[in-house]
Amino acid sequence: MCTCVLSLVVTARDSAIKEQMVVGLRLLFLFNCFIWCLAPPRLVVGGGITNFTDVAATFNVIIRALKEKESKLKASRMHIYVSRGGPNYQKGLAKMRALGEEIGIRIEVYGPEKAMTGICK
């Protein structure tokens, strides 16, 4: 099994534009690397409960990157696990659920009530 964890850690000093660029570039890089996986790859998009990061805004960038790589995700049978808390996390998680249905990719979505160790088992 091929598993990659996408870190969404950005300090409060960073601008929203820098955050979007970092997240977008990491996603694009990861998707290009998954071509080499022999088993269905897993992508874990996770973060802690924050006081300053708008989760829905961050997920908008991730959703855009996932849509751009839709055909590669389907071809590799990618499974995506999302866990996040913080400002607007309910809205962000709802967007990720809707994306899974829209593009036909398995996306499991969890809020801050579920421990990451339980999600990754």
N, C-alpha and C. Protein backbone atom coordinates (compact mmCIF):
# COMPACT_ATOMS: atom_id res chain seq x y z
N MET A 1 0.85 -1.18 0.00
CA MET A 1 0.00 0.00 0.00
C MET A 1 0.89 1.24 0.00
N CYS A 2 0.48 2.21 -0.74
CA CYS A 2 1.23 3.45 -0.86
C CYS A 2 0.44 4.55 -0.15
N THR A 3 1.00 5.14 0.89
CA THR A 3 0.30 6.17 1.65
C THR A 3 1.17 7.42 1.73
N CYS A 4 0.57 8.54 1.46
CA CYS A 4 1.25 9.82 1.63
C CYS A 4 0.40 10.70 2.53
N VAL A 5 1.05 11.47 3.35
CA VAL A 5 0.36 12.39 4.24
C VAL A 5 0.67 13.81 3.77
N LEU A 6 -0.37 14.57 3.53
CA LEU A 6 -0.21 15.95 3.10
C LEU A 6 -0.29 16.84 4.33
N SER A 7 0.79 17.56 4.59
CA SER A 7 0.83 18.46 5.74
C SER A 7 0.25 19.81 5.35
N LEU A 8 -0.68 20.31 6.13
CA LEU A 8 -1.28 21.61 5.88
C LEU A 8 -0.88 22.61 6.95
N VAL A 9 0.31 22.45 7.51
CA VAL A 9 0.77 23.32 8.58
C VAL A 9 1.33 24.61 7.97
N VAL A 10 0.69 25.71 8.27
CA VAL A 10 1.13 27.02 7.81
C VAL A 10 1.04 27.96 9.00
N THR A 11 2.07 28.74 9.21
CA THR A 11 2.07 29.62 10.38
C THR A 11 1.14 30.80 10.17
N ALA A 12 0.74 31.41 11.26
CA ALA A 12 -0.16 32.57 11.21
C ALA A 12 0.47 33.74 10.48
N ARG A 13 1.78 33.81 10.40
CA ARG A 13 2.46 34.91 9.73
C ARG A 13 2.33 34.83 8.21
N ASP A 14 2.04 33.64 7.67
CA ASP A 14 1.97 33.45 6.23
C ASP A 14 0.68 34.04 5.67
N SER A 15 0.77 34.59 4.47
CA SER A 15 -0.41 35.17 3.83
C SER A 15 -1.27 34.06 3.25
N ALA A 16 -2.52 34.37 2.98
CA ALA A 16 -3.44 33.41 2.38
C ALA A 16 -2.94 32.96 1.01
N ILE A 17 -2.35 33.87 0.27
CA ILE A 17 -1.85 33.52 -1.06
C ILE A 17 -0.72 32.51 -0.97
N LYS A 18 0.19 32.72 -0.04
CA LYS A 18 1.30 31.78 0.13
C LYS A 18 0.76 30.42 0.54
N GLU A 19 -0.20 30.40 1.43
CA GLU A 19 -0.79 29.14 1.87
C GLU A 19 -1.40 28.39 0.69
N GLN A 20 -2.14 29.08 -0.15
CA GLN A 20 -2.76 28.44 -1.30
C GLN A 20 -1.71 27.89 -2.26
N MET A 21 -0.66 28.64 -2.48
CA MET A 21 0.40 28.18 -3.37
C MET A 21 1.08 26.94 -2.82
N VAL A 22 1.39 26.93 -1.53
CA VAL A 22 2.06 25.80 -0.92
C VAL A 22 1.18 24.56 -1.00
N VAL A 23 -0.06 24.68 -0.64
CA VAL A 23 -0.97 23.53 -0.65
C VAL A 23 -1.14 23.02 -2.08
N GLY A 24 -1.36 23.92 -3.02
CA GLY A 24 -1.56 23.52 -4.41
C GLY A 24 -0.34 22.81 -4.98
N LEU A 25 0.84 23.34 -4.72
CA LEU A 25 2.06 22.73 -5.23
C LEU A 25 2.32 21.37 -4.60
N ARG A 26 2.06 21.24 -3.32
CA ARG A 26 2.25 19.95 -2.67
C ARG A 26 1.32 18.90 -3.28
N LEU A 27 0.07 19.28 -3.49
CA LEU A 27 -0.87 18.33 -4.09
C LEU A 27 -0.45 17.92 -5.48
N LEU A 28 -0.06 18.88 -6.31
CA LEU A 28 0.35 18.55 -7.67
C LEU A 28 1.56 17.63 -7.66
N PHE A 29 2.52 17.89 -6.77
CA PHE A 29 3.70 17.04 -6.66
C PHE A 29 3.32 15.63 -6.22
N LEU A 30 2.47 15.52 -5.21
CA LEU A 30 2.07 14.21 -4.71
C LEU A 30 1.37 13.40 -5.79
N PHE A 31 0.46 14.02 -6.54
CA PHE A 31 -0.27 13.27 -7.55
C PHE A 31 0.66 12.74 -8.63
N ASN A 32 1.68 13.51 -8.99
CA ASN A 32 2.63 13.04 -9.97
C ASN A 32 3.47 11.89 -9.44
N CYS A 33 3.73 11.86 -8.14
CA CYS A 33 4.51 10.77 -7.54
C CYS A 33 3.71 9.48 -7.41
N PHE A 34 2.40 9.57 -7.31
CA PHE A 34 1.58 8.37 -7.10
C PHE A 34 1.57 7.43 -8.30
N ILE A 35 2.04 7.89 -9.44
CA ILE A 35 2.08 7.03 -10.62
C ILE A 35 2.91 5.78 -10.34
N TRP A 36 3.91 5.89 -9.46
CA TRP A 36 4.84 4.79 -9.20
C TRP A 36 4.32 3.78 -8.18
N CYS A 37 3.18 4.04 -7.57
CA CYS A 37 2.63 3.11 -6.57
C CYS A 37 2.06 1.88 -7.26
N LEU A 38 2.32 0.71 -6.69
CA LEU A 38 1.78 -0.53 -7.24
C LEU A 38 0.39 -0.83 -6.71
N ALA A 39 0.11 -0.51 -5.48
CA ALA A 39 -1.19 -0.75 -4.87
C ALA A 39 -2.01 0.53 -4.91
N PRO A 40 -3.33 0.44 -4.69
CA PRO A 40 -4.11 1.69 -4.67
C PRO A 40 -3.53 2.65 -3.63
N PRO A 41 -3.17 3.85 -4.04
CA PRO A 41 -2.57 4.80 -3.10
C PRO A 41 -3.60 5.43 -2.18
N ARG A 42 -3.14 5.93 -1.06
CA ARG A 42 -3.96 6.65 -0.09
C ARG A 42 -3.37 8.04 0.08
N LEU A 43 -4.25 9.02 0.16
CA LEU A 43 -3.83 10.39 0.44
C LEU A 43 -4.56 10.82 1.70
N VAL A 44 -3.81 11.23 2.71
CA VAL A 44 -4.39 11.72 3.96
C VAL A 44 -4.23 13.24 3.97
N VAL A 45 -5.35 13.94 3.99
CA VAL A 45 -5.35 15.40 4.10
C VAL A 45 -5.80 15.71 5.51
N GLY A 46 -4.88 16.15 6.33
CA GLY A 46 -5.23 16.35 7.73
C GLY A 46 -4.60 17.58 8.32
N GLY A 47 -5.17 18.00 9.39
CA GLY A 47 -4.65 19.14 10.12
C GLY A 47 -5.28 19.19 11.48
N GLY A 48 -4.73 19.98 12.33
CA GLY A 48 -5.26 20.11 13.68
C GLY A 48 -6.41 21.08 13.74
N ILE A 49 -6.86 21.31 14.94
CA ILE A 49 -7.89 22.32 15.17
C ILE A 49 -7.17 23.65 15.31
N THR A 50 -7.41 24.55 14.40
CA THR A 50 -6.70 25.83 14.41
C THR A 50 -7.62 26.96 14.81
N ASN A 51 -7.03 28.06 15.19
CA ASN A 51 -7.80 29.25 15.52
C ASN A 51 -7.76 30.29 14.42
N PHE A 52 -6.93 30.08 13.39
CA PHE A 52 -6.71 31.14 12.41
C PHE A 52 -6.89 30.71 10.96
N THR A 53 -6.85 29.44 10.65
CA THR A 53 -6.94 28.99 9.26
C THR A 53 -8.39 28.69 8.89
N ASP A 54 -8.89 29.34 7.85
CA ASP A 54 -10.23 29.08 7.35
C ASP A 54 -10.20 27.76 6.58
N VAL A 55 -10.74 26.71 7.17
CA VAL A 55 -10.67 25.37 6.60
C VAL A 55 -11.38 25.32 5.25
N ALA A 56 -12.54 25.95 5.12
CA ALA A 56 -13.26 25.94 3.85
C ALA A 56 -12.45 26.59 2.74
N ALA A 57 -11.76 27.68 3.04
CA ALA A 57 -10.94 28.36 2.04
C ALA A 57 -9.75 27.49 1.64
N THR A 58 -9.11 26.84 2.60
CA THR A 58 -8.01 25.95 2.29
C THR A 58 -8.48 24.79 1.42
N PHE A 59 -9.62 24.23 1.76
CA PHE A 59 -10.15 23.11 0.99
C PHE A 59 -10.55 23.51 -0.43
N ASN A 60 -10.92 24.77 -0.65
CA ASN A 60 -11.22 25.22 -2.02
C ASN A 60 -10.03 24.99 -2.93
N VAL A 61 -8.82 25.27 -2.43
CA VAL A 61 -7.60 25.09 -3.21
C VAL A 61 -7.34 23.60 -3.43
N ILE A 62 -7.53 22.80 -2.40
CA ILE A 62 -7.33 21.36 -2.51
C ILE A 62 -8.32 20.78 -3.51
N ILE A 63 -9.56 21.20 -3.44
CA ILE A 63 -10.60 20.71 -4.35
C ILE A 63 -10.24 21.05 -5.79
N ARG A 64 -9.75 22.25 -6.02
CA ARG A 64 -9.36 22.64 -7.38
C ARG A 64 -8.24 21.72 -7.89
N ALA A 65 -7.25 21.45 -7.05
CA ALA A 65 -6.15 20.57 -7.46
C ALA A 65 -6.64 19.15 -7.71
N LEU A 66 -7.54 18.65 -6.88
CA LEU A 66 -8.08 17.30 -7.07
C LEU A 66 -8.86 17.21 -8.37
N LYS A 67 -9.63 18.23 -8.69
CA LYS A 67 -10.39 18.23 -9.95
C LYS A 67 -9.45 18.23 -11.16
N GLU A 68 -8.34 18.97 -11.04
CA GLU A 68 -7.36 19.02 -12.14
C GLU A 68 -6.74 17.65 -12.39
N LYS A 69 -6.62 16.84 -11.37
CA LYS A 69 -5.99 15.52 -11.49
C LYS A 69 -7.01 14.39 -11.44
N GLU A 70 -8.27 14.68 -11.73
CA GLU A 70 -9.34 13.70 -11.63
C GLU A 70 -9.03 12.41 -12.38
N SER A 71 -8.57 12.48 -13.60
CA SER A 71 -8.33 11.27 -14.39
C SER A 71 -7.21 10.42 -13.78
N LYS A 72 -6.15 11.05 -13.27
CA LYS A 72 -5.07 10.29 -12.62
C LYS A 72 -5.56 9.66 -11.33
N LEU A 73 -6.38 10.38 -10.60
CA LEU A 73 -6.91 9.84 -9.34
C LEU A 73 -7.76 8.60 -9.61
N LYS A 74 -8.61 8.67 -10.61
CA LYS A 74 -9.46 7.53 -10.96
C LYS A 74 -8.63 6.36 -11.46
N ALA A 75 -7.66 6.64 -12.32
CA ALA A 75 -6.83 5.58 -12.89
C ALA A 75 -6.04 4.84 -11.81
N SER A 76 -5.60 5.57 -10.78
CA SER A 76 -4.82 4.95 -9.71
C SER A 76 -5.70 4.37 -8.60
N ARG A 77 -7.02 4.58 -8.70
CA ARG A 77 -7.98 4.13 -7.66
C ARG A 77 -7.64 4.73 -6.30
N MET A 78 -7.28 6.01 -6.32
CA MET A 78 -6.89 6.75 -5.12
C MET A 78 -8.00 6.74 -4.07
N HIS A 79 -7.62 6.52 -2.82
CA HIS A 79 -8.52 6.66 -1.68
C HIS A 79 -8.02 7.87 -0.90
N ILE A 80 -8.95 8.77 -0.55
CA ILE A 80 -8.57 9.99 0.15
C ILE A 80 -9.26 10.03 1.51
N TYR A 81 -8.49 10.35 2.53
CA TYR A 81 -9.01 10.49 3.88
C TYR A 81 -8.79 11.92 4.33
N VAL A 82 -9.85 12.56 4.80
CA VAL A 82 -9.78 13.96 5.20
C VAL A 82 -10.18 14.08 6.66
N SER A 83 -9.38 14.78 7.44
CA SER A 83 -9.70 15.04 8.83
C SER A 83 -9.24 16.46 9.16
N ARG A 84 -10.16 17.25 9.67
CA ARG A 84 -9.80 18.64 9.96
C ARG A 84 -10.77 19.26 10.94
N GLY A 85 -10.29 20.21 11.69
CA GLY A 85 -11.10 21.03 12.58
C GLY A 85 -10.65 22.47 12.43
N GLY A 86 -11.41 23.39 12.98
CA GLY A 86 -11.04 24.80 12.92
C GLY A 86 -12.17 25.63 12.33
N PRO A 87 -11.90 26.92 12.11
CA PRO A 87 -12.94 27.81 11.58
C PRO A 87 -13.49 27.30 10.24
N ASN A 88 -14.80 27.24 10.14
CA ASN A 88 -15.51 26.79 8.93
C ASN A 88 -15.21 25.34 8.55
N TYR A 89 -14.83 24.50 9.51
CA TYR A 89 -14.48 23.13 9.15
C TYR A 89 -15.69 22.34 8.65
N GLN A 90 -16.89 22.59 9.20
CA GLN A 90 -18.07 21.86 8.73
C GLN A 90 -18.33 22.13 7.25
N LYS A 91 -18.22 23.38 6.86
CA LYS A 91 -18.42 23.76 5.46
C LYS A 91 -17.35 23.12 4.58
N GLY A 92 -16.11 23.16 5.02
CA GLY A 92 -15.02 22.55 4.27
C GLY A 92 -15.18 21.05 4.11
N LEU A 93 -15.56 20.37 5.20
CA LEU A 93 -15.75 18.93 5.12
C LEU A 93 -16.92 18.57 4.20
N ALA A 94 -17.98 19.38 4.24
CA ALA A 94 -19.12 19.14 3.34
C ALA A 94 -18.69 19.28 1.88
N LYS A 95 -17.82 20.25 1.59
CA LYS A 95 -17.32 20.42 0.22
C LYS A 95 -16.51 19.21 -0.22
N MET A 96 -15.71 18.65 0.68
CA MET A 96 -14.92 17.48 0.33
C MET A 96 -15.80 16.26 0.09
N ARG A 97 -16.84 16.08 0.90
CA ARG A 97 -17.80 14.99 0.68
C ARG A 97 -18.46 15.13 -0.69
N ALA A 98 -18.90 16.34 -1.00
CA ALA A 98 -19.56 16.60 -2.28
C ALA A 98 -18.60 16.34 -3.45
N LEU A 99 -17.34 16.69 -3.29
CA LEU A 99 -16.35 16.44 -4.34
C LEU A 99 -16.24 14.95 -4.64
N GLY A 100 -16.18 14.13 -3.60
CA GLY A 100 -16.09 12.69 -3.79
C GLY A 100 -17.24 12.15 -4.63
N GLU A 101 -18.44 12.63 -4.33
CA GLU A 101 -19.61 12.21 -5.09
C GLU A 101 -19.56 12.75 -6.52
N GLU A 102 -19.12 13.99 -6.66
CA GLU A 102 -19.08 14.64 -7.97
C GLU A 102 -18.12 13.96 -8.95
N ILE A 103 -16.92 13.64 -8.49
CA ILE A 103 -15.93 13.09 -9.41
C ILE A 103 -15.76 11.57 -9.28
N GLY A 104 -16.49 10.95 -8.36
CA GLY A 104 -16.46 9.49 -8.24
C GLY A 104 -15.19 8.93 -7.64
N ILE A 105 -14.64 9.64 -6.68
CA ILE A 105 -13.44 9.20 -5.96
C ILE A 105 -13.83 8.90 -4.52
N ARG A 106 -13.28 7.85 -3.96
CA ARG A 106 -13.57 7.52 -2.56
C ARG A 106 -12.89 8.54 -1.65
N ILE A 107 -13.71 9.33 -0.96
CA ILE A 107 -13.21 10.31 -0.01
C ILE A 107 -13.93 10.10 1.32
N GLU A 108 -13.18 9.74 2.35
CA GLU A 108 -13.74 9.60 3.69
C GLU A 108 -13.43 10.87 4.46
N VAL A 109 -14.46 11.44 5.09
CA VAL A 109 -14.33 12.75 5.73
C VAL A 109 -14.64 12.63 7.22
N TYR A 110 -13.75 13.21 8.04
CA TYR A 110 -13.90 13.17 9.49
C TYR A 110 -13.64 14.55 10.07
N GLY A 111 -14.33 14.86 11.15
CA GLY A 111 -14.11 16.11 11.87
C GLY A 111 -13.14 15.90 13.01
N PRO A 112 -13.03 16.90 13.88
CA PRO A 112 -12.05 16.84 14.97
C PRO A 112 -12.41 15.81 16.04
N GLU A 113 -13.60 15.25 16.00
CA GLU A 113 -14.01 14.29 17.01
C GLU A 113 -13.34 12.92 16.80
N LYS A 114 -12.79 12.67 15.62
CA LYS A 114 -12.16 11.38 15.30
C LYS A 114 -10.64 11.53 15.33
N ALA A 115 -9.98 10.65 16.07
CA ALA A 115 -8.52 10.69 16.15
C ALA A 115 -7.89 10.21 14.85
N MET A 116 -6.80 10.83 14.44
CA MET A 116 -6.11 10.47 13.20
C MET A 116 -5.65 9.00 13.24
N THR A 117 -5.29 8.50 14.41
CA THR A 117 -4.87 7.10 14.50
C THR A 117 -5.99 6.15 14.14
N GLY A 118 -7.23 6.50 14.45
CA GLY A 118 -8.37 5.67 14.07
C GLY A 118 -8.68 5.73 12.59
N ILE A 119 -8.45 6.88 12.00
CA ILE A 119 -8.71 7.07 10.58
C ILE A 119 -7.72 6.28 9.74
N CYS A 120 -6.47 6.22 10.17
CA CYS A 120 -5.41 5.61 9.36
C CYS A 120 -5.31 4.11 9.51
N LYS A 121 -6.13 3.49 10.32
CA LYS A 121 -6.05 2.02 10.50
C LYS A 121 -6.59 1.30 9.30
